[in-house]
PDB file of N, CA and C in Angstrom:
ATOM      1  N   UNK A   1       5.023  25.906  -2.557  1.00  0.00           N
ATOM      2  CA  UNK A   1       4.296  24.809  -3.178  1.00  0.00           C
ATOM      3  C   UNK A   1       3.601  23.992  -2.083  1.00  0.00           C
ATOM      4  N   UNK A   2       2.347  23.660  -2.296  1.00  0.00           N
ATOM      5  CA  UNK A   2       1.565  22.880  -1.350  1.00  0.00           C
ATOM      6  C   UNK A   2       1.828  21.397  -1.570  1.00  0.00           C
ATOM      7  N   UNK A   3       2.155  20.701  -0.486  1.00  0.00           N
ATOM      8  CA  UNK A   3       2.388  19.260  -0.575  1.00  0.00           C
ATOM      9  C   UNK A   3       1.054  18.539  -0.634  1.00  0.00           C
ATOM     10  N   UNK A   4       0.901  17.667  -1.607  1.00  0.00           N
ATOM     11  CA  UNK A   4      -0.344  16.921  -1.755  1.00  0.00           C
ATOM     12  C   UNK A   4      -0.019  15.434  -1.788  1.00  0.00           C
ATOM     13  N   UNK A   5      -0.358  14.748  -0.737  1.00  0.00           N
ATOM     14  CA  UNK A   5      -0.132  13.309  -0.676  1.00  0.00           C
ATOM     15  C   UNK A   5      -1.467  12.618  -0.512  1.00  0.00           C
ATOM     16  N   UNK A   6      -1.608  11.501  -1.181  1.00  0.00           N
ATOM     17  CA  UNK A   6      -2.832  10.714  -1.111  1.00  0.00           C
ATOM     18  C   UNK A   6      -2.574   9.513  -0.222  1.00  0.00           C
ATOM     19  N   UNK A   7      -3.502   9.238   0.693  1.00  0.00           N
ATOM     20  CA  UNK A   7      -3.406   8.097   1.588  1.00  0.00           C
ATOM     21  C   UNK A   7      -3.860   6.835   0.857  1.00  0.00           C
ATOM     22  N   UNK A   8      -3.112   5.752   1.019  1.00  0.00           N
ATOM     23  CA  UNK A   8      -3.445   4.471   0.403  1.00  0.00           C
ATOM     24  C   UNK A   8      -3.388   3.360   1.448  1.00  0.00           C
ATOM     25  N   UNK A   9      -4.288   2.416   1.305  1.00  0.00           N
ATOM     26  CA  UNK A   9      -4.242   1.191   2.098  1.00  0.00           C
ATOM     27  C   UNK A   9      -4.041   0.038   1.127  1.00  0.00           C
ATOM     28  N   UNK A  10      -3.102  -0.826   1.458  1.00  0.00           N
ATOM     29  CA  UNK A  10      -2.820  -1.992   0.631  1.00  0.00           C
ATOM     30  C   UNK A  10      -3.030  -3.245   1.457  1.00  0.00           C
ATOM     31  N   UNK A  11      -3.772  -4.180   0.905  1.00  0.00           N
ATOM     32  CA  UNK A  11      -3.952  -5.501   1.514  1.00  0.00           C
ATOM     33  C   UNK A  11      -3.266  -6.490   0.588  1.00  0.00           C
ATOM     34  N   UNK A  12      -2.411  -7.332   1.155  1.00  0.00           N
ATOM     35  CA  UNK A  12      -1.681  -8.296   0.331  1.00  0.00           C
ATOM     36  C   UNK A  12      -1.599  -9.632   1.043  1.00  0.00           C
ATOM     37  N   UNK A  13      -1.507 -10.668   0.234  1.00  0.00           N
ATOM     38  CA  UNK A  13      -1.303 -12.015   0.758  1.00  0.00           C
ATOM     39  C   UNK A  13      -0.087 -12.594   0.058  1.00  0.00           C
ATOM     40  N   UNK A  14       0.872 -13.034   0.849  1.00  0.00           N
ATOM     41  CA  UNK A  14       2.085 -13.631   0.294  1.00  0.00           C
ATOM     42  C   UNK A  14       1.817 -15.073  -0.126  1.00  0.00           C
ATOM     43  N   UNK A  15       2.512 -15.504  -1.135  1.00  0.00           N
ATOM     44  CA  UNK A  15       2.406 -16.884  -1.605  1.00  0.00           C
ATOM     45  C   UNK A  15       2.936 -17.816  -0.505  1.00  0.00           C
ATOM     46  N   UNK A  16       2.091 -18.704   0.029  1.00  0.00           N
ATOM     47  CA  UNK A  16       2.521 -19.561   1.139  1.00  0.00           C
ATOM     48  C   UNK A  16       3.549 -20.612   0.726  1.00  0.00           C
ATOM     49  N   UNK A  17       3.743 -20.794  -0.580  1.00  0.00           N
ATOM     50  CA  UNK A  17       4.727 -21.765  -1.055  1.00  0.00           C
ATOM     51  C   UNK A  17       6.157 -21.231  -1.020  1.00  0.00           C
ATOM     52  N   UNK A  18       6.315 -19.916  -0.820  1.00  0.00           N
ATOM     53  CA  UNK A  18       7.654 -19.342  -0.774  1.00  0.00           C
ATOM     54  C   UNK A  18       8.242 -19.483   0.623  1.00  0.00           C
ATOM     55  N   UNK A  19       9.531 -19.679   0.681  1.00  0.00           N
ATOM     56  CA  UNK A  19      10.267 -19.787   1.936  1.00  0.00           C
ATOM     57  C   UNK A  19      10.250 -18.425   2.646  1.00  0.00           C
ATOM     58  N   UNK A  20       9.743 -18.371   3.885  1.00  0.00           N
ATOM     59  CA  UNK A  20       9.692 -17.086   4.601  1.00  0.00           C
ATOM     60  C   UNK A  20      11.053 -16.417   4.747  1.00  0.00           C
ATOM     61  N   UNK A  21      12.111 -17.196   4.887  1.00  0.00           N
ATOM     62  CA  UNK A  21      13.431 -16.578   5.033  1.00  0.00           C
ATOM     63  C   UNK A  21      13.862 -15.926   3.718  1.00  0.00           C
ATOM     64  N   UNK A  22      13.452 -16.507   2.587  1.00  0.00           N
ATOM     65  CA  UNK A  22      13.758 -15.902   1.289  1.00  0.00           C
ATOM     66  C   UNK A  22      13.027 -14.567   1.153  1.00  0.00           C
ATOM     67  N   UNK A  23      11.788 -14.523   1.631  1.00  0.00           N
ATOM     68  CA  UNK A  23      11.019 -13.279   1.581  1.00  0.00           C
ATOM     69  C   UNK A  23      11.640 -12.231   2.495  1.00  0.00           C
ATOM     70  N   UNK A  24      12.144 -12.657   3.657  1.00  0.00           N
ATOM     71  CA  UNK A  24      12.811 -11.729   4.568  1.00  0.00           C
ATOM     72  C   UNK A  24      14.079 -11.168   3.918  1.00  0.00           C
ATOM     73  N   UNK A  25      14.828 -12.029   3.219  1.00  0.00           N
ATOM     74  CA  UNK A  25      16.032 -11.568   2.513  1.00  0.00           C
ATOM     75  C   UNK A  25      15.665 -10.558   1.425  1.00  0.00           C
ATOM     76  N   UNK A  26      14.578 -10.826   0.705  1.00  0.00           N
ATOM     77  CA  UNK A  26      14.127  -9.914  -0.349  1.00  0.00           C
ATOM     78  C   UNK A  26      13.739  -8.562   0.260  1.00  0.00           C
ATOM     79  N   UNK A  27      13.014  -8.592   1.366  1.00  0.00           N
ATOM     80  CA  UNK A  27      12.622  -7.343   2.031  1.00  0.00           C
ATOM     81  C   UNK A  27      13.863  -6.563   2.473  1.00  0.00           C
ATOM     82  N   UNK A  28      14.850  -7.264   3.011  1.00  0.00           N
ATOM     83  CA  UNK A  28      16.085  -6.604   3.434  1.00  0.00           C
ATOM     84  C   UNK A  28      16.803  -5.965   2.243  1.00  0.00           C
ATOM     85  N   UNK A  29      16.802  -6.662   1.106  1.00  0.00           N
ATOM     86  CA  UNK A  29      17.404  -6.109  -0.114  1.00  0.00           C
ATOM     87  C   UNK A  29      16.690  -4.837  -0.528  1.00  0.00           C
ATOM     88  N   UNK A  30      15.357  -4.863  -0.518  1.00  0.00           N
ATOM     89  CA  UNK A  30      14.578  -3.679  -0.891  1.00  0.00           C
ATOM     90  C   UNK A  30      14.882  -2.518   0.039  1.00  0.00           C
ATOM     91  N   UNK A  31      14.968  -2.790   1.334  1.00  0.00           N
ATOM     92  CA  UNK A  31      15.259  -1.727   2.297  1.00  0.00           C
ATOM     93  C   UNK A  31      16.676  -1.181   2.112  1.00  0.00           C
ATOM     94  N   UNK A  32      17.639  -2.070   1.932  1.00  0.00           N
ATOM     95  CA  UNK A  32      19.035  -1.672   1.760  1.00  0.00           C
ATOM     96  C   UNK A  32      19.230  -0.832   0.498  1.00  0.00           C
ATOM     97  N   UNK A  33      18.575  -1.244  -0.591  1.00  0.00           N
ATOM     98  CA  UNK A  33      18.698  -0.522  -1.873  1.00  0.00           C
ATOM     99  C   UNK A  33      17.759   0.672  -1.965  1.00  0.00           C
ATOM    100  N   UNK A  34      17.039   0.946  -0.875  1.00  0.00           N
ATOM    101  CA  UNK A  34      16.095   2.061  -0.815  1.00  0.00           C
ATOM    102  C   UNK A  34      15.030   1.975  -1.909  1.00  0.00           C
ATOM    103  N   UNK A  35      14.600   0.738  -2.178  1.00  0.00           N
ATOM    104  CA  UNK A  35      13.506   0.499  -3.113  1.00  0.00           C
ATOM    105  C   UNK A  35      12.170   0.442  -2.382  1.00  0.00           C
ATOM    106  N   UNK A  36      12.242   0.286  -1.072  1.00  0.00           N
ATOM    107  CA  UNK A  36      11.049   0.304  -0.239  1.00  0.00           C
ATOM    108  C   UNK A  36      11.315   1.203   0.947  1.00  0.00           C
ATOM    109  N   UNK A  37      10.518   2.184   1.160  1.00  0.00           N
ATOM    110  CA  UNK A  37       9.416   2.543   0.293  1.00  0.00           C
ATOM    111  C   UNK A  37       9.913   3.123  -1.025  1.00  0.00           C
ATOM    112  N   UNK A  38       9.075   3.000  -2.036  1.00  0.00           N
ATOM    113  CA  UNK A  38       9.419   3.548  -3.350  1.00  0.00           C
ATOM    114  C   UNK A  38       9.547   5.065  -3.253  1.00  0.00           C
ATOM    115  N   UNK A  39      10.311   5.637  -4.163  1.00  0.00           N
ATOM    116  CA  UNK A  39      10.454   7.087  -4.206  1.00  0.00           C
ATOM    117  C   UNK A  39       9.071   7.730  -4.319  1.00  0.00           C
ATOM    118  N   UNK A  40       8.808   8.708  -3.463  1.00  0.00           N
ATOM    119  CA  UNK A  40       7.522   9.392  -3.477  1.00  0.00           C
ATOM    120  C   UNK A  40       6.472   8.740  -2.601  1.00  0.00           C
ATOM    121  N   UNK A  41       6.874   7.700  -1.849  1.00  0.00           N
ATOM    122  CA  UNK A  41       5.940   7.006  -0.962  1.00  0.00           C
ATOM    123  C   UNK A  41       6.460   7.109   0.472  1.00  0.00           C
ATOM    124  N   UNK A  42       5.572   7.449   1.376  1.00  0.00           N
ATOM    125  CA  UNK A  42       5.883   7.493   2.807  1.00  0.00           C
ATOM    126  C   UNK A  42       5.082   6.374   3.480  1.00  0.00           C
ATOM    127  N   UNK A  43       5.771   5.446   4.126  1.00  0.00           N
ATOM    128  CA  UNK A  43       5.101   4.344   4.819  1.00  0.00           C
ATOM    129  C   UNK A  43       4.686   4.801   6.214  1.00  0.00           C
ATOM    130  N   UNK A  44       3.416   4.652   6.508  1.00  0.00           N
ATOM    131  CA  UNK A  44       2.886   4.979   7.823  1.00  0.00           C
ATOM    132  C   UNK A  44       2.848   3.717   8.685  1.00  0.00           C
ATOM    133  N   UNK A  45       2.533   2.586   8.064  1.00  0.00           N
ATOM    134  CA  UNK A  45       2.509   1.315   8.774  1.00  0.00           C
ATOM    135  C   UNK A  45       2.672   0.165   7.791  1.00  0.00           C
ATOM    136  N   UNK A  46       3.337  -0.900   8.257  1.00  0.00           N
ATOM    137  CA  UNK A  46       3.596  -2.074   7.408  1.00  0.00           C
ATOM    138  C   UNK A  46       3.503  -3.277   8.326  1.00  0.00           C
ATOM    139  N   UNK A  47       2.432  -4.058   8.172  1.00  0.00           N
ATOM    140  CA  UNK A  47       2.120  -5.115   9.119  1.00  0.00           C
ATOM    141  C   UNK A  47       1.918  -6.452   8.414  1.00  0.00           C
ATOM    142  N   UNK A  48       2.322  -7.533   9.076  1.00  0.00           N
ATOM    143  CA  UNK A  48       2.132  -8.874   8.535  1.00  0.00           C
ATOM    144  C   UNK A  48       1.598  -9.769   9.659  1.00  0.00           C
ATOM    145  N   UNK A  49       0.791 -10.743   9.281  1.00  0.00           N
ATOM    146  CA  UNK A  49       0.215 -11.691  10.238  1.00  0.00           C
ATOM    147  C   UNK A  49       0.982 -13.005  10.183  1.00  0.00           C
ATOM    148  N   UNK A  50       0.755 -13.912  11.159  1.00  0.00           N
ATOM    149  CA  UNK A  50       1.397 -15.224  11.123  1.00  0.00           C
ATOM    150  C   UNK A  50       0.989 -16.044   9.881  1.00  0.00           C
ATOM    151  N   UNK A  51      -0.142 -15.691   9.266  1.00  0.00           N
ATOM    152  CA  UNK A  51      -0.592 -16.402   8.066  1.00  0.00           C
ATOM    153  C   UNK A  51      -0.010 -15.782   6.788  1.00  0.00           C
ATOM    154  N   UNK A  52       0.900 -14.813   6.938  1.00  0.00           N
ATOM    155  CA  UNK A  52       1.599 -14.155   5.828  1.00  0.00           C
ATOM    156  C   UNK A  52       0.691 -13.360   4.903  1.00  0.00           C
ATOM    157  N   UNK A  53      -0.327 -12.732   5.477  1.00  0.00           N
ATOM    158  CA  UNK A  53      -1.028 -11.684   4.770  1.00  0.00           C
ATOM    159  C   UNK A  53      -0.826 -10.426   5.596  1.00  0.00           C
ATOM    160  N   UNK A  54      -1.011  -9.299   4.976  1.00  0.00           N
ATOM    161  CA  UNK A  54      -0.776  -8.076   5.723  1.00  0.00           C
ATOM    162  C   UNK A  54      -1.373  -6.860   5.063  1.00  0.00           C
ATOM    163  N   UNK A  55      -1.112  -5.735   5.689  1.00  0.00           N
ATOM    164  CA  UNK A  55      -1.533  -4.455   5.150  1.00  0.00           C
ATOM    165  C   UNK A  55      -0.385  -3.469   5.267  1.00  0.00           C
ATOM    166  N   UNK A  56      -0.413  -2.506   4.390  1.00  0.00           N
ATOM    167  CA  UNK A  56       0.465  -1.354   4.546  1.00  0.00           C
ATOM    168  C   UNK A  56      -0.393  -0.114   4.371  1.00  0.00           C
ATOM    169  N   UNK A  57      -0.035   0.904   5.095  1.00  0.00           N
ATOM    170  CA  UNK A  57      -0.702   2.196   5.023  1.00  0.00           C
ATOM    171  C   UNK A  57       0.378   3.184   4.612  1.00  0.00           C
ATOM    172  N   UNK A  58       0.099   3.915   3.551  1.00  0.00           N
ATOM    173  CA  UNK A  58       1.126   4.806   3.019  1.00  0.00           C
ATOM    174  C   UNK A  58       0.509   6.072   2.459  1.00  0.00           C
ATOM    175  N   UNK A  59       1.360   7.044   2.227  1.00  0.00           N
ATOM    176  CA  UNK A  59       0.978   8.262   1.521  1.00  0.00           C
ATOM    177  C   UNK A  59       1.870   8.350   0.295  1.00  0.00           C
ATOM    178  N   UNK A  60       1.274   8.736  -0.828  1.00  0.00           N
ATOM    179  CA  UNK A  60       2.031   8.808  -2.076  1.00  0.00           C
ATOM    180  C   UNK A  60       1.893  10.175  -2.719  1.00  0.00           C
ATOM    181  N   UNK A  61       2.961  10.588  -3.394  1.00  0.00           N
ATOM    182  CA  UNK A  61       2.986  11.870  -4.095  1.00  0.00           C
ATOM    183  C   UNK A  61       2.246  11.813  -5.419  1.00  0.00           C
ATOM    184  N   UNK A  62       2.208  10.616  -6.045  1.00  0.00           N
ATOM    185  CA  UNK A  62       1.673  10.526  -7.408  1.00  0.00           C
ATOM    186  C   UNK A  62       1.245   9.101  -7.732  1.00  0.00           C
ATOM    187  N   UNK A  63       0.565   8.966  -8.858  1.00  0.00           N
ATOM    188  CA  UNK A  63       0.190   7.648  -9.344  1.00  0.00           C
ATOM    189  C   UNK A  63       1.441   6.831  -9.672  1.00  0.00           C
ATOM    190  N   UNK A  64       2.442   7.494 -10.210  1.00  0.00           N
ATOM    191  CA  UNK A  64       3.699   6.815 -10.564  1.00  0.00           C
ATOM    192  C   UNK A  64       4.353   6.200  -9.332  1.00  0.00           C
ATOM    193  N   UNK A  65       4.343   6.918  -8.239  1.00  0.00           N
ATOM    194  CA  UNK A  65       4.925   6.397  -6.997  1.00  0.00           C
ATOM    195  C   UNK A  65       4.189   5.146  -6.545  1.00  0.00           C
ATOM    196  N   UNK A  66       2.867   5.157  -6.652  1.00  0.00           N
ATOM    197  CA  UNK A  66       2.068   3.993  -6.264  1.00  0.00           C
ATOM    198  C   UNK A  66       2.395   2.808  -7.166  1.00  0.00           C
ATOM    199  N   UNK A  67       2.546   3.047  -8.457  1.00  0.00           N
ATOM    200  CA  UNK A  67       2.878   1.965  -9.388  1.00  0.00           C
ATOM    201  C   UNK A  67       4.248   1.368  -9.077  1.00  0.00           C
ATOM    202  N   UNK A  68       5.220   2.225  -8.755  1.00  0.00           N
ATOM    203  CA  UNK A  68       6.551   1.711  -8.381  1.00  0.00           C
ATOM    204  C   UNK A  68       6.450   0.857  -7.127  1.00  0.00           C
ATOM    205  N   UNK A  69       5.673   1.328  -6.173  1.00  0.00           N
ATOM    206  CA  UNK A  69       5.512   0.606  -4.921  1.00  0.00           C
ATOM    207  C   UNK A  69       4.896  -0.776  -5.160  1.00  0.00           C
ATOM    208  N   UNK A  70       3.861  -0.832  -5.980  1.00  0.00           N
ATOM    209  CA  UNK A  70       3.139  -2.088  -6.212  1.00  0.00           C
ATOM    210  C   UNK A  70       3.885  -3.045  -7.121  1.00  0.00           C
ATOM    211  N   UNK A  71       4.658  -2.528  -8.047  1.00  0.00           N
ATOM    212  CA  UNK A  71       5.256  -3.369  -9.083  1.00  0.00           C
ATOM    213  C   UNK A  71       6.647  -3.891  -8.748  1.00  0.00           C
ATOM    214  N   UNK A  72       7.414  -3.166  -7.959  1.00  0.00           N
ATOM    215  CA  UNK A  72       8.795  -3.569  -7.668  1.00  0.00           C
ATOM    216  C   UNK A  72       8.912  -4.969  -7.094  1.00  0.00           C
ATOM    217  N   UNK A  73       8.040  -5.285  -6.128  1.00  0.00           N
ATOM    218  CA  UNK A  73       8.082  -6.602  -5.492  1.00  0.00           C
ATOM    219  C   UNK A  73       7.770  -7.705  -6.501  1.00  0.00           C
ATOM    220  N   UNK A  74       6.832  -7.446  -7.388  1.00  0.00           N
ATOM    221  CA  UNK A  74       6.443  -8.457  -8.384  1.00  0.00           C
ATOM    222  C   UNK A  74       7.562  -8.705  -9.386  1.00  0.00           C
ATOM    223  N   UNK A  75       8.295  -7.669  -9.725  1.00  0.00           N
ATOM    224  CA  UNK A  75       9.426  -7.837 -10.648  1.00  0.00           C
ATOM    225  C   UNK A  75      10.529  -8.638  -9.961  1.00  0.00           C
ATOM    226  N   UNK A  76      10.813  -8.304  -8.702  1.00  0.00           N
ATOM    227  CA  UNK A  76      11.887  -8.979  -7.960  1.00  0.00           C
ATOM    228  C   UNK A  76      11.573 -10.442  -7.690  1.00  0.00           C
ATOM    229  N   UNK A  77      10.295 -10.757  -7.460  1.00  0.00           N
ATOM    230  CA  UNK A  77       9.914 -12.127  -7.108  1.00  0.00           C
ATOM    231  C   UNK A  77       8.535 -12.425  -7.719  1.00  0.00           C
ATOM    232  N   UNK A  78       8.517 -12.831  -9.000  1.00  0.00           N
ATOM    233  CA  UNK A  78       7.235 -13.156  -9.625  1.00  0.00           C
ATOM    234  C   UNK A  78       6.470 -14.197  -8.805  1.00  0.00           C
ATOM    235  N   UNK A  79       5.178 -13.962  -8.635  1.00  0.00           N
ATOM    236  CA  UNK A  79       4.342 -14.871  -7.865  1.00  0.00           C
ATOM    237  C   UNK A  79       4.391 -14.633  -6.366  1.00  0.00           C
ATOM    238  N   UNK A  80       5.050 -13.549  -5.931  1.00  0.00           N
ATOM    239  CA  UNK A  80       5.193 -13.281  -4.503  1.00  0.00           C
ATOM    240  C   UNK A  80       3.836 -13.127  -3.810  1.00  0.00           C
ATOM    241  N   UNK A  81       2.862 -12.558  -4.518  1.00  0.00           N
ATOM    242  CA  UNK A  81       1.550 -12.324  -3.926  1.00  0.00           C
ATOM    243  C   UNK A  81       0.499 -13.255  -4.526  1.00  0.00           C
ATOM    244  N   UNK A  82      -0.382 -13.761  -3.680  1.00  0.00           N
ATOM    245  CA  UNK A  82      -1.561 -14.471  -4.187  1.00  0.00           C
ATOM    246  C   UNK A  82      -2.722 -13.497  -4.304  1.00  0.00           C
ATOM    247  N   UNK A  83      -2.627 -12.374  -3.598  1.00  0.00           N
ATOM    248  CA  UNK A  83      -3.631 -11.324  -3.655  1.00  0.00           C
ATOM    249  C   UNK A  83      -2.954 -10.004  -3.344  1.00  0.00           C
ATOM    250  N   UNK A  84      -3.333  -8.960  -4.074  1.00  0.00           N
ATOM    251  CA  UNK A  84      -2.766  -7.632  -3.851  1.00  0.00           C
ATOM    252  C   UNK A  84      -3.823  -6.607  -4.231  1.00  0.00           C
ATOM    253  N   UNK A  85      -4.260  -5.833  -3.245  1.00  0.00           N
ATOM    254  CA  UNK A  85      -5.274  -4.804  -3.477  1.00  0.00           C
ATOM    255  C   UNK A  85      -4.793  -3.506  -2.866  1.00  0.00           C
ATOM    256  N   UNK A  86      -4.871  -2.434  -3.651  1.00  0.00           N
ATOM    257  CA  UNK A  86      -4.463  -1.121  -3.167  1.00  0.00           C
ATOM    258  C   UNK A  86      -5.542  -0.116  -3.555  1.00  0.00           C
ATOM    259  N   UNK A  87      -5.816   0.798  -2.626  1.00  0.00           N
ATOM    260  CA  UNK A  87      -6.876   1.765  -2.875  1.00  0.00           C
ATOM    261  C   UNK A  87      -6.607   3.050  -2.106  1.00  0.00           C
ATOM    262  N   UNK A  88      -6.998   4.180  -2.683  1.00  0.00           N
ATOM    263  CA  UNK A  88      -6.926   5.411  -1.905  1.00  0.00           C
ATOM    264  C   UNK A  88      -7.911   5.305  -0.744  1.00  0.00           C
ATOM    265  N   UNK A  89      -7.627   6.015   0.331  1.00  0.00           N
ATOM    266  CA  UNK A  89      -8.467   5.949   1.525  1.00  0.00           C
ATOM    267  C   UNK A  89      -8.530   7.319   2.183  1.00  0.00           C
ATOM    268  N   UNK A  90      -9.538   7.475   3.034  1.00  0.00           N
ATOM    269  CA  UNK A  90      -9.699   8.701   3.814  1.00  0.00           C
ATOM    270  C   UNK A  90      -9.999   8.321   5.257  1.00  0.00           C
ATOM    271  N   UNK A  91      -9.682   9.224   6.171  1.00  0.00           N
ATOM    272  CA  UNK A  91     -10.056   9.022   7.563  1.00  0.00           C
ATOM    273  C   UNK A  91     -11.574   9.114   7.675  1.00  0.00           C
ATOM    274  N   UNK A  92     -12.150   8.279   8.527  1.00  0.00           N
ATOM    275  CA  UNK A  92     -13.603   8.229   8.681  1.00  0.00           C
ATOM    276  C   UNK A  92     -14.157   9.608   9.028  1.00  0.00           C
ATOM    277  N   UNK A  93     -13.480  10.344   9.878  1.00  0.00           N
ATOM    278  CA  UNK A  93     -13.947  11.673  10.276  1.00  0.00           C
ATOM    279  C   UNK A  93     -14.064  12.618   9.077  1.00  0.00           C
ATOM    280  N   UNK A  94     -13.280  12.381   8.023  1.00  0.00           N
ATOM    281  CA  UNK A  94     -13.363  13.201   6.813  1.00  0.00           C
ATOM    282  C   UNK A  94     -14.433  12.680   5.852  1.00  0.00           C
ATOM    283  N   UNK A  95     -14.690  11.382   5.897  1.00  0.00           N
ATOM    284  CA  UNK A  95     -15.650  10.779   4.977  1.00  0.00           C
ATOM    285  C   UNK A  95     -17.091  11.095   5.373  1.00  0.00           C
ATOM    286  N   UNK A  96     -17.384  11.087   6.663  1.00  0.00           N
ATOM    287  CA  UNK A  96     -18.766  11.276   7.120  1.00  0.00           C
ATOM    288  C   UNK A  96     -19.382  12.584   6.622  1.00  0.00           C
ATOM    289  N   UNK A  97     -18.702  13.740   6.732  1.00  0.00           N
ATOM    290  CA  UNK A  97     -19.286  14.967   6.187  1.00  0.00           C
ATOM    291  C   UNK A  97     -19.474  14.889   4.662  1.00  0.00           C
ATOM    292  N   UNK A  98     -18.558  14.246   3.980  1.00  0.00           N
ATOM    293  CA  UNK A  98     -18.668  14.083   2.530  1.00  0.00           C
ATOM    294  C   UNK A  98     -19.923  13.282   2.172  1.00  0.00           C
ATOM    295  N   UNK A  99     -20.153  12.195   2.897  1.00  0.00           N
ATOM    296  CA  UNK A  99     -21.332  11.357   2.658  1.00  0.00           C
ATOM    297  C   UNK A  99     -22.607  12.161   2.923  1.00  0.00           C
ATOM    298  N   UNK A 100     -22.600  12.933   3.996  1.00  0.00           N
ATOM    299  CA  UNK A 100     -23.775  13.751   4.323  1.00  0.00           C
ATOM    300  C   UNK A 100     -24.039  14.780   3.223  1.00  0.00           C
ATOM    301  N   UNK A 101     -22.998  15.428   2.731  1.00  0.00           N
ATOM    302  CA  UNK A 101     -23.150  16.402   1.648  1.00  0.00           C
ATOM    303  C   UNK A 101     -23.703  15.730   0.393  1.00  0.00           C
ATOM    304  N   UNK A 102     -23.174  14.564   0.045  1.00  0.00           N
ATOM    305  CA  UNK A 102     -23.650  13.857  -1.142  1.00  0.00           C
ATOM    306  C   UNK A 102     -25.109  13.451  -0.983  1.00  0.00           C
ATOM    307  N   UNK A 103     -25.448  12.954   0.193  1.00  0.00           N
ATOM    308  CA  UNK A 103     -26.847  12.557   0.461  1.00  0.00           C
ATOM    309  C   UNK A 103     -27.777  13.742   0.288  1.00  0.00           C
ATOM    310  N   UNK A 104     -27.386  14.900   0.845  1.00  0.00           N
ATOM    311  CA  UNK A 104     -28.225  16.105   0.740  1.00  0.00           C
ATOM    312  C   UNK A 104     -28.395  16.546  -0.713  1.00  0.00           C
ATOM    313  N   UNK A 105     -27.343  16.435  -1.518  1.00  0.00           N
ATOM    314  CA  UNK A 105     -27.432  16.816  -2.923  1.00  0.00           C
ATOM    315  C   UNK A 105     -28.303  15.847  -3.711  1.00  0.00           C
ATOM    316  N   UNK A 106     -28.186  14.564  -3.398  1.00  0.00           N
ATOM    317  CA  UNK A 106     -28.920  13.544  -4.141  1.00  0.00           C
ATOM    318  C   UNK A 106     -30.373  13.493  -3.711  1.00  0.00           C
ATOM    319  N   UNK A 107     -30.640  13.525  -2.437  1.00  0.00           N
ATOM    320  CA  UNK A 107     -31.994  13.322  -1.910  1.00  0.00           C
ATOM    321  C   UNK A 107     -32.716  14.627  -1.585  1.00  0.00           C
ATOM    322  N   UNK A 108     -31.948  15.735  -1.527  1.00  0.00           N
ATOM    323  CA  UNK A 108     -32.525  17.007  -1.092  1.00  0.00           C
ATOM    324  C   UNK A 108     -33.200  17.801  -2.165  1.00  0.00           C
TER     325      UNK A 108
END
């Protein structure tokens, strides 16, 4: 069976009204209970800034895995995010030939 994982980039902003230590405790709970990463998700990078916004880069097996990843935190702590955006992504080196092919089909 061929493994097929889709790359995702997530940009999120934490609610600045929440106590950072409470958020750290929540993250520790998720890690301890193996809720993060969600089943079917491989975390490549998970970064946060001093302003409490961040990005994560992950690969997912399915749409369901992505939904578990995005929704678990919201269930555990409603209002945790002021902004949350997730999207499939590709490496630039893979996108450039695709763009060239599309341009040739459209304009050629």
